[in-house]
Amino acid sequence: MFNPAKFPVSVGVANVCHYQDKMMHLPKYMTHASEFAGFQELAQLLLAQKKCLR
């Protein structure tokens, strides 16, 4: 799922760490928060970057 050859930039939420021993590839970046809060963290970071580019 996070194969760097296919997805060189990947993000996982923090609870992915609980499954890292079962995964072939880990995400390049990881949020501090888990589940929905992790997605919210990522979305807020992306939106903040978009505002800076204007």
N, C-alpha and C. Protein backbone atom coordinates (compact mmCIF):
# COMPACT_ATOMS: atom_id res chain seq x y z
N MET A 1 0.81 -1.19 0.00
CA MET A 1 0.00 0.00 0.00
C MET A 1 0.86 1.26 0.00
N PHE A 2 1.96 1.26 0.69
CA PHE A 2 2.84 2.43 0.74
C PHE A 2 4.13 2.20 -0.05
N ASN A 3 4.05 1.39 -1.08
CA ASN A 3 5.21 1.05 -1.90
C ASN A 3 5.85 2.33 -2.46
N PRO A 4 7.08 2.65 -2.07
CA PRO A 4 7.71 3.90 -2.53
C PRO A 4 7.97 3.93 -4.04
N ALA A 5 8.04 2.79 -4.67
CA ALA A 5 8.22 2.77 -6.12
C ALA A 5 6.97 3.27 -6.84
N LYS A 6 5.81 3.04 -6.23
CA LYS A 6 4.55 3.47 -6.83
C LYS A 6 4.03 4.76 -6.21
N PHE A 7 4.32 4.95 -4.92
CA PHE A 7 3.86 6.13 -4.19
C PHE A 7 5.04 6.74 -3.43
N PRO A 8 5.87 7.54 -4.09
CA PRO A 8 7.07 8.07 -3.42
C PRO A 8 6.76 9.00 -2.24
N VAL A 9 5.59 9.61 -2.25
CA VAL A 9 5.17 10.45 -1.13
C VAL A 9 3.89 9.83 -0.56
N SER A 10 3.98 9.29 0.64
CA SER A 10 2.83 8.66 1.27
C SER A 10 2.73 9.10 2.71
N VAL A 11 1.51 9.12 3.21
CA VAL A 11 1.26 9.55 4.59
C VAL A 11 0.36 8.52 5.26
N GLY A 12 0.71 8.15 6.46
CA GLY A 12 -0.11 7.25 7.25
C GLY A 12 -0.48 7.92 8.56
N VAL A 13 -1.61 7.54 9.10
CA VAL A 13 -1.99 8.05 10.43
C VAL A 13 -1.26 7.24 11.49
N ALA A 14 -1.14 7.78 12.68
CA ALA A 14 -0.27 7.20 13.71
C ALA A 14 -0.57 5.75 14.04
N ASN A 15 -1.82 5.33 13.98
CA ASN A 15 -2.13 3.95 14.36
C ASN A 15 -1.59 2.93 13.37
N VAL A 16 -1.06 3.36 12.22
CA VAL A 16 -0.40 2.45 11.29
C VAL A 16 0.81 1.79 11.97
N CYS A 17 1.41 2.50 12.92
CA CYS A 17 2.58 1.96 13.64
C CYS A 17 2.27 0.63 14.32
N HIS A 18 1.03 0.44 14.73
CA HIS A 18 0.66 -0.81 15.40
C HIS A 18 0.73 -2.02 14.46
N TYR A 19 0.74 -1.77 13.16
CA TYR A 19 0.72 -2.85 12.17
C TYR A 19 2.00 -2.92 11.35
N GLN A 20 3.01 -2.16 11.73
CA GLN A 20 4.21 -2.08 10.90
C GLN A 20 4.92 -3.42 10.73
N ASP A 21 4.80 -4.32 11.68
CA ASP A 21 5.44 -5.63 11.54
C ASP A 21 4.71 -6.51 10.52
N LYS A 22 3.51 -6.14 10.12
CA LYS A 22 2.73 -6.90 9.14
C LYS A 22 2.73 -6.26 7.77
N MET A 23 3.39 -5.11 7.63
CA MET A 23 3.36 -4.36 6.38
C MET A 23 4.68 -4.50 5.63
N MET A 24 4.58 -4.59 4.32
CA MET A 24 5.78 -4.67 3.49
C MET A 24 6.45 -3.30 3.34
N HIS A 25 5.64 -2.25 3.30
CA HIS A 25 6.15 -0.89 3.12
C HIS A 25 5.47 0.03 4.13
N LEU A 26 6.24 0.96 4.67
CA LEU A 26 5.70 1.94 5.60
C LEU A 26 5.57 3.28 4.88
N PRO A 27 4.67 4.14 5.35
CA PRO A 27 4.54 5.45 4.73
C PRO A 27 5.79 6.29 4.96
N LYS A 28 6.02 7.21 4.04
CA LYS A 28 7.18 8.10 4.17
C LYS A 28 6.98 9.06 5.35
N TYR A 29 5.75 9.52 5.53
CA TYR A 29 5.42 10.45 6.61
C TYR A 29 4.32 9.85 7.48
N MET A 30 4.33 10.22 8.75
CA MET A 30 3.34 9.70 9.69
C MET A 30 2.78 10.87 10.50
N THR A 31 1.46 10.88 10.70
CA THR A 31 0.86 11.91 11.55
C THR A 31 1.12 11.57 13.02
N HIS A 32 0.95 12.55 13.87
CA HIS A 32 1.09 12.31 15.31
C HIS A 32 -0.18 11.69 15.87
N ALA A 33 -1.32 12.04 15.27
CA ALA A 33 -2.61 11.57 15.76
C ALA A 33 -3.06 10.32 14.99
N SER A 34 -3.97 9.59 15.59
CA SER A 34 -4.50 8.36 14.99
C SER A 34 -5.86 8.60 14.35
N GLU A 35 -6.24 7.69 13.49
CA GLU A 35 -7.56 7.60 12.88
C GLU A 35 -8.01 8.94 12.31
N PHE A 36 -9.26 9.36 12.62
CA PHE A 36 -9.78 10.58 12.03
C PHE A 36 -8.95 11.80 12.43
N ALA A 37 -8.49 11.83 13.67
CA ALA A 37 -7.67 12.96 14.12
C ALA A 37 -6.38 13.06 13.31
N GLY A 38 -5.83 11.93 12.89
CA GLY A 38 -4.65 11.93 12.04
C GLY A 38 -4.94 12.49 10.66
N PHE A 39 -6.09 12.09 10.11
CA PHE A 39 -6.50 12.66 8.81
C PHE A 39 -6.73 14.16 8.94
N GLN A 40 -7.35 14.57 10.03
CA GLN A 40 -7.60 15.99 10.26
C GLN A 40 -6.27 16.76 10.37
N GLU A 41 -5.31 16.16 11.04
CA GLU A 41 -3.98 16.78 11.17
C GLU A 41 -3.36 16.99 9.80
N LEU A 42 -3.41 15.97 8.96
CA LEU A 42 -2.86 16.06 7.62
C LEU A 42 -3.59 17.12 6.80
N ALA A 43 -4.92 17.12 6.85
CA ALA A 43 -5.71 18.09 6.08
C ALA A 43 -5.38 19.51 6.51
N GLN A 44 -5.24 19.74 7.80
CA GLN A 44 -4.92 21.09 8.28
C GLN A 44 -3.54 21.52 7.82
N LEU A 45 -2.58 20.61 7.82
CA LEU A 45 -1.23 20.94 7.32
C LEU A 45 -1.25 21.29 5.84
N LEU A 46 -1.99 20.51 5.06
CA LEU A 46 -2.09 20.78 3.63
C LEU A 46 -2.77 22.12 3.34
N LEU A 47 -3.84 22.39 4.07
CA LEU A 47 -4.54 23.66 3.88
C LEU A 47 -3.67 24.85 4.30
N ALA A 48 -2.89 24.69 5.35
CA ALA A 48 -1.99 25.75 5.79
C ALA A 48 -0.93 26.03 4.73
N GLN A 49 -0.43 24.97 4.08
CA GLN A 49 0.57 25.14 3.03
C GLN A 49 -0.03 25.83 1.81
N LYS A 50 -1.27 25.51 1.51
CA LYS A 50 -1.94 26.13 0.37
C LYS A 50 -2.08 27.64 0.59
N LYS A 51 -2.40 28.05 1.82
CA LYS A 51 -2.52 29.47 2.14
C LYS A 51 -1.19 30.19 1.97
N CYS A 52 -0.10 29.51 2.29
CA CYS A 52 1.24 30.11 2.17
C CYS A 52 1.63 30.32 0.70
N LEU A 53 1.09 29.53 -0.18
CA LEU A 53 1.48 29.61 -1.59
C LEU A 53 0.73 30.71 -2.34
N ARG A 54 -0.26 31.27 -1.74
CA ARG A 54 -1.03 32.33 -2.41
C ARG A 54 -0.29 33.61 -2.47
